[in-house]
Amino acid sequence: MANDQEFEKMLRAASLRVTRPRIAVLNAVAAQPHADANDVFDAIRQGTDSASKQAVYDALTTLVDVGLLRCIKPSGSTARYESRVGDNHHHAVCRNCGKITDVDCAIGQGPCLQASDSHGYSIDEADVIYWGICPDCTATELLTQSSSNTTRNE
């Protein structure tokens, strides 16, 4: 994980002023990938930094706009933020608990960018979301089914 000095360099390289809220947001998102804005705000408030909710929203928007953060919006979920940018990875989302996990692109260098028909678009990014049940929820379901079967057999 990057430290404050590296975040400062990243902000300057993006032609942004280095501010405490921006550094705090970058730290919070790096520590908790796929956090929503409230999670980021809570993490900052619990840490040594402080920032208003509006400052957090402004920082998130700015950092996404310059490419230092990525915003994903799974259907039925609030916007989520991550610091893993620029590598065309995808996400798996659990239908039960909402957990989001990074999934590397399946084959080669950005195969999803070669659509079967681009319809004239100059495609530069693909946003693939895999939906299913995460291992924790699957284990819980199996445990629940097992105890349910045991109860019926008694």
C-alpha atoms as a PDB file:
ATOM      1  CA  MET A   1       0.000   0.000   0.000  1.00  0.00           C
ATOM      2  CA  ALA A   2       1.249   3.485  -0.843  1.00  0.00           C
ATOM      3  CA  ASN A   3       2.163   5.934   1.895  1.00  0.00           C
ATOM      4  CA  ASP A   4       1.374   9.643   2.247  1.00  0.00           C
ATOM      5  CA  GLN A   5       4.518  10.708   0.373  1.00  0.00           C
ATOM      6  CA  GLU A   6       3.626   8.481  -2.576  1.00  0.00           C
ATOM      7  CA  PHE A   7       0.078   9.828  -2.548  1.00  0.00           C
ATOM      8  CA  GLU A   8       1.475  13.379  -2.566  1.00  0.00           C
ATOM      9  CA  LYS A   9       3.568  12.522  -5.656  1.00  0.00           C
ATOM     10  CA  MET A  10       0.525  10.980  -7.348  1.00  0.00           C
ATOM     11  CA  LEU A  11      -1.568  14.093  -6.673  1.00  0.00           C
ATOM     12  CA  ARG A  12       1.136  16.401  -7.997  1.00  0.00           C
ATOM     13  CA  ALA A  13       1.622  14.215 -11.084  1.00  0.00           C
ATOM     14  CA  ALA A  14      -2.114  14.598 -11.716  1.00  0.00           C
ATOM     15  CA  SER A  15      -1.716  18.405 -11.376  1.00  0.00           C
ATOM     16  CA  LEU A  16      -3.761  18.453  -8.177  1.00  0.00           C
ATOM     17  CA  ARG A  17      -3.078  20.353  -4.984  1.00  0.00           C
ATOM     18  CA  VAL A  18      -2.057  18.142  -2.107  1.00  0.00           C
ATOM     19  CA  THR A  19      -4.748  18.455   0.563  1.00  0.00           C
ATOM     20  CA  ARG A  20      -5.377  16.524   3.762  1.00  0.00           C
ATOM     21  CA  PRO A  21      -8.826  15.326   2.619  1.00  0.00           C
ATOM     22  CA  ARG A  22      -7.396  13.962  -0.649  1.00  0.00           C
ATOM     23  CA  ILE A  23      -4.587  12.138   1.167  1.00  0.00           C
ATOM     24  CA  ALA A  24      -7.076  10.810   3.735  1.00  0.00           C
ATOM     25  CA  VAL A  25      -9.426   9.576   0.983  1.00  0.00           C
ATOM     26  CA  LEU A  26      -6.585   7.854  -0.882  1.00  0.00           C
ATOM     27  CA  ASN A  27      -5.500   6.134   2.348  1.00  0.00           C
ATOM     28  CA  ALA A  28      -9.039   5.051   3.204  1.00  0.00           C
ATOM     29  CA  VAL A  29      -9.750   3.621  -0.254  1.00  0.00           C
ATOM     30  CA  ALA A  30      -6.376   1.850  -0.398  1.00  0.00           C
ATOM     31  CA  ALA A  31      -7.080   0.259   3.000  1.00  0.00           C
ATOM     32  CA  GLN A  32     -10.643  -0.759   2.105  1.00  0.00           C
ATOM     33  CA  PRO A  33     -11.099  -1.465  -1.613  1.00  0.00           C
ATOM     34  CA  HIS A  34     -14.680  -1.243  -2.922  1.00  0.00           C
ATOM     35  CA  ALA A  35     -15.745   1.071  -0.105  1.00  0.00           C
ATOM     36  CA  ASP A  36     -18.658   3.408  -0.641  1.00  0.00           C
ATOM     37  CA  ALA A  37     -18.475   7.117   0.224  1.00  0.00           C
ATOM     38  CA  ASN A  38     -19.895   6.550   3.713  1.00  0.00           C
ATOM     39  CA  ASP A  39     -17.303   3.844   4.420  1.00  0.00           C
ATOM     40  CA  VAL A  40     -14.560   6.239   3.314  1.00  0.00           C
ATOM     41  CA  PHE A  41     -15.961   9.025   5.488  1.00  0.00           C
ATOM     42  CA  ASP A  42     -16.248   6.696   8.503  1.00  0.00           C
ATOM     43  CA  ALA A  43     -12.679   5.428   8.024  1.00  0.00           C
ATOM     44  CA  ILE A  44     -11.354   8.990   7.913  1.00  0.00           C
ATOM     45  CA  ARG A  45     -13.394  10.013  10.952  1.00  0.00           C
ATOM     46  CA  GLN A  46     -12.097   7.012  12.937  1.00  0.00           C
ATOM     47  CA  GLY A  47      -8.499   7.727  11.943  1.00  0.00           C
ATOM     48  CA  THR A  48      -6.309  10.669  12.819  1.00  0.00           C
ATOM     49  CA  ASP A  49      -7.636  12.879  10.008  1.00  0.00           C
ATOM     50  CA  SER A  50     -10.907  14.719   9.811  1.00  0.00           C
ATOM     51  CA  ALA A  51     -12.866  15.913   6.811  1.00  0.00           C
ATOM     52  CA  SER A  52     -16.436  16.939   6.195  1.00  0.00           C
ATOM     53  CA  LYS A  53     -18.675  14.604   4.259  1.00  0.00           C
ATOM     54  CA  GLN A  54     -18.758  17.158   1.433  1.00  0.00           C
ATOM     55  CA  ALA A  55     -14.935  17.270   1.338  1.00  0.00           C
ATOM     56  CA  VAL A  56     -14.888  13.458   1.059  1.00  0.00           C
ATOM     57  CA  TYR A  57     -17.423  13.501  -1.807  1.00  0.00           C
ATOM     58  CA  ASP A  58     -15.480  16.272  -3.565  1.00  0.00           C
ATOM     59  CA  ALA A  59     -12.195  14.401  -3.164  1.00  0.00           C
ATOM     60  CA  LEU A  60     -13.692  11.139  -4.441  1.00  0.00           C
ATOM     61  CA  THR A  61     -15.116  12.880  -7.502  1.00  0.00           C
ATOM     62  CA  THR A  62     -11.860  14.680  -8.266  1.00  0.00           C
ATOM     63  CA  LEU A  63      -9.705  11.584  -7.736  1.00  0.00           C
ATOM     64  CA  VAL A  64     -11.937   9.543 -10.047  1.00  0.00           C
ATOM     65  CA  ASP A  65     -11.917  12.335 -12.657  1.00  0.00           C
ATOM     66  CA  VAL A  66      -8.094  12.327 -12.823  1.00  0.00           C
ATOM     67  CA  GLY A  67      -7.831   8.535 -12.769  1.00  0.00           C
ATOM     68  CA  LEU A  68      -6.296   8.035  -9.322  1.00  0.00           C
ATOM     69  CA  LEU A  69      -9.398   6.155  -8.179  1.00  0.00           C
ATOM     70  CA  ARG A  70     -11.959   4.083 -10.028  1.00  0.00           C
ATOM     71  CA  CYS A  71     -15.687   4.183  -9.356  1.00  0.00           C
ATOM     72  CA  ILE A  72     -17.767   1.076  -9.928  1.00  0.00           C
ATOM     73  CA  LYS A  73     -21.551   0.943  -9.704  1.00  0.00           C
ATOM     74  CA  PRO A  74     -22.896  -2.597  -9.412  1.00  0.00           C
ATOM     75  CA  SER A  75     -26.634  -2.781 -10.011  1.00  0.00           C
ATOM     76  CA  GLY A  76     -28.560  -2.217  -6.787  1.00  0.00           C
ATOM     77  CA  SER A  77     -25.517  -0.877  -4.935  1.00  0.00           C
ATOM     78  CA  THR A  78     -24.136   2.534  -4.118  1.00  0.00           C
ATOM     79  CA  ALA A  79     -21.057   3.720  -5.975  1.00  0.00           C
ATOM     80  CA  ARG A  80     -17.902   1.954  -4.772  1.00  0.00           C
ATOM     81  CA  TYR A  81     -14.329   3.190  -5.008  1.00  0.00           C
ATOM     82  CA  GLU A  82     -11.010   1.452  -5.510  1.00  0.00           C
ATOM     83  CA  SER A  83      -7.410   2.450  -6.043  1.00  0.00           C
ATOM     84  CA  ARG A  84      -6.657  -0.344  -8.517  1.00  0.00           C
ATOM     85  CA  VAL A  85      -6.836   1.598 -11.765  1.00  0.00           C
ATOM     86  CA  GLY A  86      -5.663   1.249 -15.345  1.00  0.00           C
ATOM     87  CA  ASP A  87      -5.547  -2.530 -15.657  1.00  0.00           C
ATOM     88  CA  ASN A  88      -8.990  -3.408 -17.079  1.00  0.00           C
ATOM     89  CA  HIS A  89      -9.849  -5.821 -14.267  1.00  0.00           C
ATOM     90  CA  HIS A  90     -13.403  -6.870 -13.529  1.00  0.00           C
ATOM     91  CA  HIS A  91     -15.461  -7.676 -10.432  1.00  0.00           C
ATOM     92  CA  ALA A  92     -17.422 -10.520  -8.880  1.00  0.00           C
ATOM     93  CA  VAL A  93     -20.361  -9.466  -6.693  1.00  0.00           C
ATOM     94  CA  CYS A  94     -22.134 -11.710  -4.182  1.00  0.00           C
ATOM     95  CA  ARG A  95     -25.907 -11.679  -4.590  1.00  0.00           C
ATOM     96  CA  ASN A  96     -26.362 -12.390  -0.859  1.00  0.00           C
ATOM     97  CA  CYS A  97     -23.981 -10.153   1.060  1.00  0.00           C
ATOM     98  CA  GLY A  98     -22.839  -7.699  -1.653  1.00  0.00           C
ATOM     99  CA  LYS A  99     -19.135  -8.500  -1.228  1.00  0.00           C
ATOM    100  CA  ILE A 100     -17.088  -7.344  -4.226  1.00  0.00           C
ATOM    101  CA  THR A 101     -13.919  -9.100  -5.341  1.00  0.00           C
ATOM    102  CA  ASP A 102     -11.458  -8.132  -8.081  1.00  0.00           C
ATOM    103  CA  VAL A 103     -11.253 -10.534 -11.030  1.00  0.00           C
ATOM    104  CA  ASP A 104      -8.327 -10.233 -13.395  1.00  0.00           C
ATOM    105  CA  CYS A 105      -9.130 -10.048 -17.090  1.00  0.00           C
ATOM    106  CA  ALA A 106      -9.605 -13.573 -18.432  1.00  0.00           C
ATOM    107  CA  ILE A 107      -7.143 -13.858 -21.319  1.00  0.00           C
ATOM    108  CA  GLY A 108      -4.368 -11.737 -22.761  1.00  0.00           C
ATOM    109  CA  GLN A 109      -4.094  -7.972 -22.927  1.00  0.00           C
ATOM    110  CA  GLY A 110      -7.597  -6.547 -22.531  1.00  0.00           C
ATOM    111  CA  PRO A 111      -9.550  -9.123 -24.592  1.00  0.00           C
ATOM    112  CA  CYS A 112     -12.863  -7.616 -23.525  1.00  0.00           C
ATOM    113  CA  LEU A 113     -11.959  -4.427 -25.376  1.00  0.00           C
ATOM    114  CA  GLN A 114     -12.449  -6.166 -28.697  1.00  0.00           C
ATOM    115  CA  ALA A 115     -16.222  -6.234 -28.933  1.00  0.00           C
ATOM    116  CA  SER A 116     -17.829  -8.474 -31.518  1.00  0.00           C
ATOM    117  CA  ASP A 117     -19.379  -5.306 -32.992  1.00  0.00           C
ATOM    118  CA  SER A 118     -18.166  -1.919 -31.768  1.00  0.00           C
ATOM    119  CA  HIS A 119     -21.010  -0.077 -33.565  1.00  0.00           C
ATOM    120  CA  GLY A 120     -18.474   2.609 -34.481  1.00  0.00           C
ATOM    121  CA  TYR A 121     -17.358   3.284 -30.902  1.00  0.00           C
ATOM    122  CA  SER A 122     -13.695   3.690 -30.084  1.00  0.00           C
ATOM    123  CA  ILE A 123     -13.783   1.330 -27.082  1.00  0.00           C
ATOM    124  CA  ASP A 124     -11.167   1.950 -24.381  1.00  0.00           C
ATOM    125  CA  GLU A 125     -12.642   0.191 -21.342  1.00  0.00           C
ATOM    126  CA  ALA A 126     -14.824  -2.800 -20.532  1.00  0.00           C
ATOM    127  CA  ASP A 127     -16.835  -3.059 -17.323  1.00  0.00           C
ATOM    128  CA  VAL A 128     -17.671  -6.686 -16.636  1.00  0.00           C
ATOM    129  CA  ILE A 129     -19.435  -7.744 -13.451  1.00  0.00           C
ATOM    130  CA  TYR A 130     -19.785 -11.406 -12.548  1.00  0.00           C
ATOM    131  CA  TRP A 131     -22.725 -12.132 -10.234  1.00  0.00           C
ATOM    132  CA  GLY A 132     -22.943 -15.132  -7.944  1.00  0.00           C
ATOM    133  CA  ILE A 133     -22.593 -16.288  -4.357  1.00  0.00           C
ATOM    134  CA  CYS A 134     -19.310 -15.725  -2.490  1.00  0.00           C
ATOM    135  CA  PRO A 135     -17.546 -18.611  -0.701  1.00  0.00           C
ATOM    136  CA  ASP A 136     -18.594 -17.372   2.766  1.00  0.00           C
ATOM    137  CA  CYS A 137     -22.285 -17.227   1.812  1.00  0.00           C
ATOM    138  CA  THR A 138     -22.053 -20.602   0.048  1.00  0.00           C
ATOM    139  CA  ALA A 139     -20.550 -22.155   3.188  1.00  0.00           C
ATOM    140  CA  THR A 140     -23.264 -20.577   5.336  1.00  0.00           C
ATOM    141  CA  GLU A 141     -25.980 -21.893   2.997  1.00  0.00           C
ATOM    142  CA  LEU A 142     -24.476 -25.384   3.057  1.00  0.00           C
ATOM    143  CA  LEU A 143     -24.221 -25.297   6.848  1.00  0.00           C
ATOM    144  CA  THR A 144     -27.826 -24.113   7.130  1.00  0.00           C
ATOM    145  CA  GLN A 145     -29.019 -26.838   4.743  1.00  0.00           C
ATOM    146  CA  SER A 146     -27.020 -29.471   6.615  1.00  0.00           C
ATOM    147  CA  SER A 147     -28.418 -28.506  10.015  1.00  0.00           C
ATOM    148  CA  SER A 148     -31.913 -28.307   8.506  1.00  0.00           C
ATOM    149  CA  ASN A 149     -31.553 -31.845   7.137  1.00  0.00           C
ATOM    150  CA  THR A 150     -30.212 -33.106  10.475  1.00  0.00           C
ATOM    151  CA  THR A 151     -33.176 -31.580  12.320  1.00  0.00           C
ATOM    152  CA  ARG A 152     -35.661 -33.206   9.908  1.00  0.00           C
ATOM    153  CA  ASN A 153     -34.025 -36.618  10.276  1.00  0.00           C
ATOM    154  CA  GLU A 154     -34.242 -36.591  14.078  1.00  0.00           C
END
